[in-house]
């Protein structure tokens, strides 16, 4: 009889039968190990949660008074004889890869990750293993990120141009991850940073956890419109096209997403500027991260799973496509808008396939009303 693998894919999530715990389960379970606080990986309803300590306050903010244990990177927890250790994933503040070890068998679950050091969260660290469970949100050659310093130079120059031309500046990014990267890389000499309520709620949770962020000002009903327009406004995707955002007209609107690498994405978002900024690994980052593990097998959970699996097998990896619910929880708010048939033809000629998942993070629909009014 073949040996049962240490981790298996079930209808509830990634399961360790020997340790009696799940990793990022999407249905209620007794014991859940969480890679990070985005809503497609951290669900409400589990009896017990284990996560990195920098995810603590954001998890409480998003999920309520859960039973939560937190640990540091490199700290090992034993569950029924199985070792669990968290390592940096570089995705967002508090994100972790989960290493699971029993009797010499080593598995690593990446969660979401990026390999560029963004200067905000703990940088990604390759972890040696036999089996690597990896995302591949941007697993196509068209997705190759420029250094973030170059991107933020462009953003700061655009902000200065808007100030000189009496335009408010609105930047859209997910409330956990992109928002903090943007805030930490803006030129504060240009002016103040104003935030939508969803963004500021997340900032406050991170600050309660000891994270130091640049000063930000929450936009409320008492905010003075002209003062806000003199700064820069950070908003979640749920605010796009809303009455809240229209209050700041005239403005120039920039959208931050890895999907901005694709022709037509900026136009479909009705954005004036598209900034190719993602908290996921690009094509080269995925390949280098997988190779650095030295794994015998790699399992791809969400993104361009079919095509990336074929490519990895072609270049010598033992790769397998698996089906999970990661990347799909917030499609209503966060997923790229659907292209027209003509645009789809153009894009398929460029990237060959369509993604099954996305850069799917940020605010829920219910959070969209927390921005305040002016």
Protein backbone atom coordinates (compact mmCIF):
# COMPACT_ATOMS: atom_id res chain seq x y z
CA UNK A 1 0.00 0.00 0.00
CA UNK A 2 1.46 3.43 -0.96
CA UNK A 3 2.42 5.72 1.90
CA UNK A 4 -0.19 8.36 2.71
CA UNK A 5 1.18 11.87 2.03
CA UNK A 6 1.70 14.17 5.00
CA UNK A 7 -0.55 16.81 3.40
CA UNK A 8 -3.56 16.18 1.19
CA UNK A 9 -6.06 18.30 -0.71
CA UNK A 10 -9.64 18.02 0.54
CA UNK A 11 -12.95 19.81 0.05
CA UNK A 12 -12.20 21.87 3.19
CA UNK A 13 -8.62 22.82 2.47
CA UNK A 14 -5.09 21.46 2.72
CA UNK A 15 -5.21 18.80 5.45
CA UNK A 16 -2.63 17.13 7.67
CA UNK A 17 -4.37 14.00 8.97
CA UNK A 18 -1.47 13.06 11.22
CA UNK A 19 -1.41 16.50 12.86
CA UNK A 20 -5.20 16.93 12.69
CA UNK A 21 -5.03 20.47 11.31
CA UNK A 22 -5.78 22.32 8.07
CA UNK A 23 -3.86 25.05 6.30
CA UNK A 24 -5.98 27.97 5.02
CA UNK A 25 -9.24 25.96 5.09
CA UNK A 26 -12.28 27.51 3.43
CA UNK A 27 -14.86 25.55 5.46
CA UNK A 28 -15.12 25.55 9.28
CA UNK A 29 -12.63 23.22 10.98
CA UNK A 30 -11.34 22.66 14.52
CA UNK A 31 -7.72 23.64 13.90
CA UNK A 32 -6.59 26.06 11.17
CA UNK A 33 -3.09 27.29 10.34
CA UNK A 34 -3.32 30.57 8.42
CA UNK A 35 -0.73 31.87 5.93
CA UNK A 36 -2.02 35.47 5.95
CA UNK A 37 -5.05 37.63 6.68
CA UNK A 38 -6.52 38.05 3.18
CA UNK A 39 -10.12 36.88 3.01
CA UNK A 40 -9.55 34.01 0.56
CA UNK A 41 -7.08 32.43 3.03
CA UNK A 42 -8.47 33.44 6.45
CA UNK A 43 -12.13 32.49 6.89
CA UNK A 44 -14.37 32.98 9.89
CA UNK A 45 -15.77 29.94 11.71
CA UNK A 46 -12.76 27.86 12.77
CA UNK A 47 -12.42 26.85 16.44
CA UNK A 48 -8.69 27.60 16.68
CA UNK A 49 -6.32 29.66 14.52
CA UNK A 50 -2.52 29.73 14.30
CA UNK A 51 -0.82 32.59 12.41
CA UNK A 52 2.17 34.93 12.48
CA UNK A 53 2.02 37.52 15.25
CA UNK A 54 1.92 40.48 12.80
CA UNK A 55 -1.37 39.10 11.43
CA UNK A 56 -2.97 39.14 14.89
CA UNK A 57 -4.74 42.51 14.95
CA UNK A 58 -5.80 42.38 11.30
CA UNK A 59 -7.30 38.92 11.87
CA UNK A 60 -9.20 40.22 14.91
CA UNK A 61 -10.39 43.22 12.89
CA UNK A 62 -11.59 41.05 10.01
CA UNK A 63 -12.83 37.92 11.81
CA UNK A 64 -13.84 39.16 15.27
CA UNK A 65 -12.95 37.57 18.63
CA UNK A 66 -11.45 34.32 17.37
CA UNK A 67 -9.33 31.87 19.40
CA UNK A 68 -5.94 32.81 17.98
CA UNK A 69 -2.39 31.68 18.70
CA UNK A 70 0.45 33.61 17.09
CA UNK A 71 4.13 32.80 16.62
CA UNK A 72 7.30 34.37 15.24
CA UNK A 73 9.06 33.36 12.03
CA UNK A 74 11.24 30.32 12.71
CA UNK A 75 9.30 29.34 15.82
CA UNK A 76 8.15 25.71 15.81
CA UNK A 77 4.81 24.48 17.15
CA UNK A 78 4.02 20.78 17.62
CA UNK A 79 0.57 19.42 16.78
CA UNK A 80 0.10 15.71 17.48
CA UNK A 81 3.76 15.04 16.80
CA UNK A 82 3.93 17.12 13.61
CA UNK A 83 6.26 20.13 13.42
CA UNK A 84 4.83 23.42 12.11
CA UNK A 85 7.17 26.35 11.44
CA UNK A 86 6.37 29.70 9.79
CA UNK A 87 8.77 31.38 7.36
CA UNK A 88 8.48 34.77 5.61
CA UNK A 89 6.42 34.84 2.42
CA UNK A 90 7.03 38.51 1.50
CA UNK A 91 3.41 38.87 0.35
CA UNK A 92 1.99 41.30 2.93
CA UNK A 93 2.79 42.19 6.53
CA UNK A 94 2.46 39.02 8.61
CA UNK A 95 2.31 36.62 5.66
CA UNK A 96 3.99 33.26 6.12
CA UNK A 97 4.93 30.06 4.38
CA UNK A 98 4.02 27.01 6.46
CA UNK A 99 6.63 24.24 6.78
CA UNK A 100 5.22 20.92 7.99
CA UNK A 101 7.58 18.11 9.02
CA UNK A 102 7.03 14.55 10.21
CA UNK A 103 9.50 11.65 10.24
CA UNK A 104 11.82 13.44 7.83
CA UNK A 105 9.08 14.27 5.29
CA UNK A 106 9.01 18.03 4.62
CA UNK A 107 6.20 19.98 2.97
CA UNK A 108 5.98 23.75 2.51
CA UNK A 109 2.75 25.63 1.76
CA UNK A 110 3.63 28.99 0.24
CA UNK A 111 0.31 30.78 0.64
CA UNK A 112 0.69 33.90 -1.51
CA UNK A 113 4.20 35.29 -1.91
CA UNK A 114 6.48 37.66 -3.77
CA UNK A 115 10.24 37.51 -4.05
CA UNK A 116 11.07 41.23 -4.32
CA UNK A 117 11.95 42.88 -1.00
CA UNK A 118 9.38 45.68 -0.72
CA UNK A 119 10.91 47.23 2.41
CA UNK A 120 7.60 46.89 4.26
CA UNK A 121 7.10 43.21 5.08
CA UNK A 122 9.72 40.61 6.01
CA UNK A 123 11.34 39.46 2.74
CA UNK A 124 10.56 36.08 1.19
CA UNK A 125 12.84 33.28 2.33
CA UNK A 126 13.17 30.04 0.27
CA UNK A 127 12.57 26.95 2.41
CA UNK A 128 14.04 23.58 1.46
CA UNK A 129 11.44 20.82 1.19
CA UNK A 130 10.40 17.63 -0.59
CA UNK A 131 6.96 18.94 -1.58
CA UNK A 132 6.16 22.59 -2.33
CA UNK A 133 2.57 23.84 -2.60
CA UNK A 134 2.79 27.11 -4.54
CA UNK A 135 0.49 29.75 -5.92
CA UNK A 136 1.01 30.91 -9.52
CA UNK A 137 -1.31 33.92 -9.80
CA UNK A 138 0.96 35.54 -12.40
CA UNK A 139 2.46 32.41 -13.92
CA UNK A 140 2.79 33.67 -17.49
CA UNK A 141 5.87 35.26 -19.15
CA UNK A 142 4.03 38.54 -19.81
CA UNK A 143 4.05 39.22 -16.06
CA UNK A 144 7.54 40.51 -15.25
CA UNK A 145 7.70 43.31 -12.70
CA UNK A 146 9.94 46.35 -12.86
CA UNK A 147 11.84 47.28 -9.66
CA UNK A 148 9.45 48.98 -7.25
CA UNK A 149 11.78 52.00 -6.86
CA UNK A 150 11.18 52.82 -10.52
CA UNK A 151 7.42 52.46 -10.12
CA UNK A 152 7.27 54.75 -7.09
CA UNK A 153 9.42 57.35 -8.82
CA UNK A 154 6.74 57.41 -11.51
CA UNK A 155 3.97 57.63 -8.92
CA UNK A 156 5.57 60.50 -7.02
CA UNK A 157 6.24 62.44 -10.24
CA UNK A 158 2.60 61.92 -11.28
CA UNK A 159 1.43 63.20 -7.88
CA UNK A 160 3.57 66.34 -8.27
CA UNK A 161 2.20 66.91 -11.78
CA UNK A 162 -1.37 66.66 -10.46
CA UNK A 163 -0.66 69.18 -7.70
CA UNK A 164 0.73 71.63 -10.25
CA UNK A 165 -2.39 71.23 -12.39
CA UNK A 166 -5.03 71.51 -9.62
CA UNK A 167 -5.96 67.81 -9.82
CA UNK A 168 -6.59 65.65 -6.79
CA UNK A 169 -4.61 62.39 -6.81
CA UNK A 170 -6.41 59.13 -6.04
CA UNK A 171 -4.47 55.85 -5.84
CA UNK A 172 -6.34 52.56 -5.58
CA UNK A 173 -4.77 49.52 -3.93
CA UNK A 174 -5.88 46.65 -1.71
CA UNK A 175 -6.31 47.56 1.94
CA UNK A 176 -3.83 44.98 3.26
CA UNK A 177 -0.60 44.87 1.30
CA UNK A 178 -0.55 47.38 -1.53
CA UNK A 179 -1.90 50.25 0.59
CA UNK A 180 0.98 49.97 3.05
CA UNK A 181 3.58 49.68 0.27
CA UNK A 182 2.20 52.83 -1.32
CA UNK A 183 2.09 54.71 1.98
CA UNK A 184 5.68 53.82 2.82
CA UNK A 185 7.04 54.85 -0.59
CA UNK A 186 5.29 58.18 -1.17
CA UNK A 187 7.28 61.42 -1.11
CA UNK A 188 5.92 63.09 2.02
CA UNK A 189 7.32 66.44 0.87
CA UNK A 190 4.49 66.53 -1.69
CA UNK A 191 1.78 66.63 0.95
CA UNK A 192 -0.30 64.57 3.38
CA UNK A 193 -1.60 61.05 2.84
CA UNK A 194 -5.40 60.74 3.23
CA UNK A 195 -7.06 57.33 3.50
CA UNK A 196 -10.44 55.74 2.93
CA UNK A 197 -11.89 54.20 6.11
CA UNK A 198 -11.18 50.64 5.00
CA UNK A 199 -7.52 51.47 4.43
CA UNK A 200 -7.22 53.32 7.75
CA UNK A 201 -8.94 50.54 9.70
CA UNK A 202 -6.26 48.16 8.42
CA UNK A 203 -3.49 50.66 9.15
CA UNK A 204 -4.75 51.06 12.72
CA UNK A 205 -4.82 47.30 13.23
CA UNK A 206 -1.23 47.02 12.00
CA UNK A 207 -0.13 49.89 14.24
CA UNK A 208 -1.72 48.14 17.24
CA UNK A 209 0.53 45.24 16.31
CA UNK A 210 3.60 47.48 16.50
CA UNK A 211 4.01 48.15 12.77
CA UNK A 212 5.40 51.63 12.07
CA UNK A 213 3.77 53.34 9.08
CA UNK A 214 4.06 56.86 7.68
CA UNK A 215 1.43 59.26 9.06
CA UNK A 216 -2.00 59.02 7.42
CA UNK A 217 -5.24 60.94 7.88
CA UNK A 218 -8.62 59.18 7.82
CA UNK A 219 -11.20 60.81 5.53
CA UNK A 220 -14.42 61.42 7.47
CA UNK A 221 -17.59 63.45 7.09
CA UNK A 222 -15.75 66.32 8.81
CA UNK A 223 -12.81 66.33 6.39
CA UNK A 224 -12.40 69.52 4.36
CA UNK A 225 -12.57 68.64 0.68
CA UNK A 226 -9.99 71.20 -0.47
CA UNK A 227 -7.50 70.09 2.17
CA UNK A 228 -7.88 66.47 1.09
CA UNK A 229 -7.40 67.42 -2.56
CA UNK A 230 -4.02 68.99 -1.70
CA UNK A 231 -2.68 65.63 -0.55
CA UNK A 232 -2.94 62.13 -2.00
CA UNK A 233 -5.93 59.83 -1.44
CA UNK A 234 -5.47 56.07 -0.94
CA UNK A 235 -8.64 54.07 -1.57
CA UNK A 236 -9.64 50.39 -1.97
CA UNK A 237 -10.98 48.99 -5.26
CA UNK A 238 -14.52 49.05 -3.83
CA UNK A 239 -14.40 52.87 -3.93
CA UNK A 240 -13.87 53.08 -7.70
CA UNK A 241 -16.77 54.86 -9.37
CA UNK A 242 -18.52 55.47 -6.05
CA UNK A 243 -20.12 58.75 -4.91
CA UNK A 244 -17.40 58.86 -2.22
CA UNK A 245 -14.68 59.05 -4.86
CA UNK A 246 -16.56 61.46 -7.13
CA UNK A 247 -16.59 64.02 -4.29
CA UNK A 248 -12.92 64.76 -5.01
CA UNK A 249 -13.32 65.76 -8.67
CA UNK A 250 -11.46 66.91 -10.61
CA UNK A 251 -8.94 64.16 -9.94
CA UNK A 252 -6.46 61.88 -11.66
CA UNK A 253 -7.04 58.25 -10.73
CA UNK A 254 -4.31 55.60 -10.63
CA UNK A 255 -4.91 51.86 -10.22
CA UNK A 256 -2.24 49.57 -8.70
CA UNK A 257 -2.36 45.92 -9.77
CA UNK A 258 -0.31 43.27 -11.47
CA UNK A 259 -3.15 43.05 -14.00
CA UNK A 260 -2.12 46.49 -15.26
CA UNK A 261 0.58 44.64 -17.21
CA UNK A 262 -2.13 43.51 -19.63
CA UNK A 263 -3.30 45.69 -22.49
CA UNK A 264 -6.78 47.07 -21.86
CA UNK A 265 -6.80 46.60 -18.07
CA UNK A 266 -6.30 50.30 -17.32
CA UNK A 267 -9.03 51.27 -19.78
CA UNK A 268 -11.53 48.81 -18.27
CA UNK A 269 -10.83 50.25 -14.82
CA UNK A 270 -11.41 53.76 -16.23
CA UNK A 271 -8.06 54.70 -14.70
CA UNK A 272 -5.88 57.59 -15.84
CA UNK A 273 -2.77 55.71 -14.79
CA UNK A 274 -2.07 52.03 -14.36
CA UNK A 275 0.75 51.10 -12.00
CA UNK A 276 1.99 47.51 -12.34
CA UNK A 277 2.31 46.81 -8.63
CA UNK A 278 1.58 43.34 -7.27
CA UNK A 279 2.14 41.57 -3.99
CA UNK A 280 2.53 38.29 -5.86
CA UNK A 281 5.63 36.85 -7.50
CA UNK A 282 6.03 37.46 -11.22
CA UNK A 283 7.01 34.83 -13.79
CA UNK A 284 10.71 34.86 -12.92
CA UNK A 285 10.02 35.08 -9.20
CA UNK A 286 7.81 31.98 -9.27
CA UNK A 287 10.38 29.91 -11.13
CA UNK A 288 13.28 31.04 -8.94
CA UNK A 289 11.31 30.45 -5.73
CA UNK A 290 10.26 26.94 -6.75
CA UNK A 291 13.77 26.05 -7.88
CA UNK A 292 15.29 27.35 -4.62
CA UNK A 293 13.27 24.89 -2.52
CA UNK A 294 14.97 21.91 -4.17
CA UNK A 295 11.58 20.19 -4.05
CA UNK A 296 10.87 16.80 -5.56
CA UNK A 297 7.28 17.76 -6.42
CA UNK A 298 5.46 21.09 -6.78
CA UNK A 299 1.68 21.56 -6.55
CA UNK A 300 0.09 24.69 -8.05
CA UNK A 301 -3.02 25.95 -6.30
CA UNK A 302 -4.35 29.08 -8.03
CA UNK A 303 -3.66 31.36 -10.95
CA UNK A 304 -2.44 30.08 -14.32
CA UNK A 305 -2.28 26.56 -12.92
CA UNK A 306 -2.75 24.52 -16.11
CA UNK A 307 -0.29 26.34 -18.35
CA UNK A 308 2.31 26.87 -15.61
CA UNK A 309 2.13 23.18 -14.67
CA UNK A 310 2.82 22.22 -18.29
CA UNK A 311 5.74 24.63 -18.48
CA UNK A 312 7.35 23.39 -15.26
CA UNK A 313 7.04 19.78 -16.38
CA UNK A 314 8.62 20.71 -19.73
CA UNK A 315 11.70 22.15 -18.00
CA UNK A 316 12.17 19.20 -15.66
CA UNK A 317 10.04 19.75 -12.55
CA UNK A 318 7.47 17.23 -11.32
CA UNK A 319 4.53 19.64 -11.25
CA UNK A 320 0.85 19.01 -10.51
CA UNK A 321 -2.23 21.21 -10.82
CA UNK A 322 -4.61 21.17 -7.83
CA UNK A 323 -7.94 22.88 -7.33
CA UNK A 324 -8.62 25.10 -4.32
CA UNK A 325 -10.80 28.09 -3.52
CA UNK A 326 -7.89 30.49 -3.11
CA UNK A 327 -8.10 33.60 -5.23
CA UNK A 328 -11.88 33.51 -5.61
CA UNK A 329 -13.43 34.88 -2.42
CA UNK A 330 -13.50 38.54 -3.44
CA UNK A 331 -14.06 38.41 -7.18
CA UNK A 332 -17.12 40.64 -6.91
CA UNK A 333 -15.01 43.53 -5.65
CA UNK A 334 -11.44 42.83 -6.63
CA UNK A 335 -11.19 40.74 -9.80
CA UNK A 336 -10.29 42.36 -13.12
CA UNK A 337 -13.31 43.57 -15.06
CA UNK A 338 -14.29 41.30 -17.93
CA UNK A 339 -12.96 42.37 -21.34
CA UNK A 340 -15.03 42.68 -24.47
CA UNK A 341 -14.77 39.79 -27.01
CA UNK A 342 -12.40 41.86 -29.15
CA UNK A 343 -10.21 42.74 -26.16
CA UNK A 344 -10.18 39.10 -25.09
CA UNK A 345 -8.90 38.07 -28.53
CA UNK A 346 -6.12 40.64 -28.25
CA UNK A 347 -5.16 39.54 -24.75
CA UNK A 348 -5.27 35.82 -25.51
CA UNK A 349 -2.84 36.41 -28.35
CA UNK A 350 -0.60 38.08 -25.78
CA UNK A 351 -0.87 35.68 -22.81
CA UNK A 352 -2.47 32.57 -24.42
CA UNK A 353 -4.70 31.66 -21.47
CA UNK A 354 -6.97 33.35 -18.92
CA UNK A 355 -6.28 33.19 -15.18
CA UNK A 356 -8.43 31.10 -12.86
CA UNK A 357 -7.67 33.34 -9.94
CA UNK A 358 -6.45 36.85 -9.43
CA UNK A 359 -4.84 39.42 -7.26
CA UNK A 360 -7.83 38.89 -5.05
CA UNK A 361 -7.35 40.73 -1.80
CA UNK A 362 -8.69 43.71 0.07
CA UNK A 363 -12.01 44.93 1.32
CA UNK A 364 -15.27 42.99 1.35
CA UNK A 365 -18.46 44.46 -0.08
CA UNK A 366 -19.65 45.37 3.41
CA UNK A 367 -16.49 47.43 3.97
CA UNK A 368 -17.17 49.63 0.95
CA UNK A 369 -19.37 51.95 3.02
CA UNK A 370 -16.70 52.66 5.66
CA UNK A 371 -14.95 55.37 3.74
CA UNK A 372 -16.78 58.36 5.20
CA UNK A 373 -18.35 61.18 3.23
CA UNK A 374 -17.45 64.77 2.48
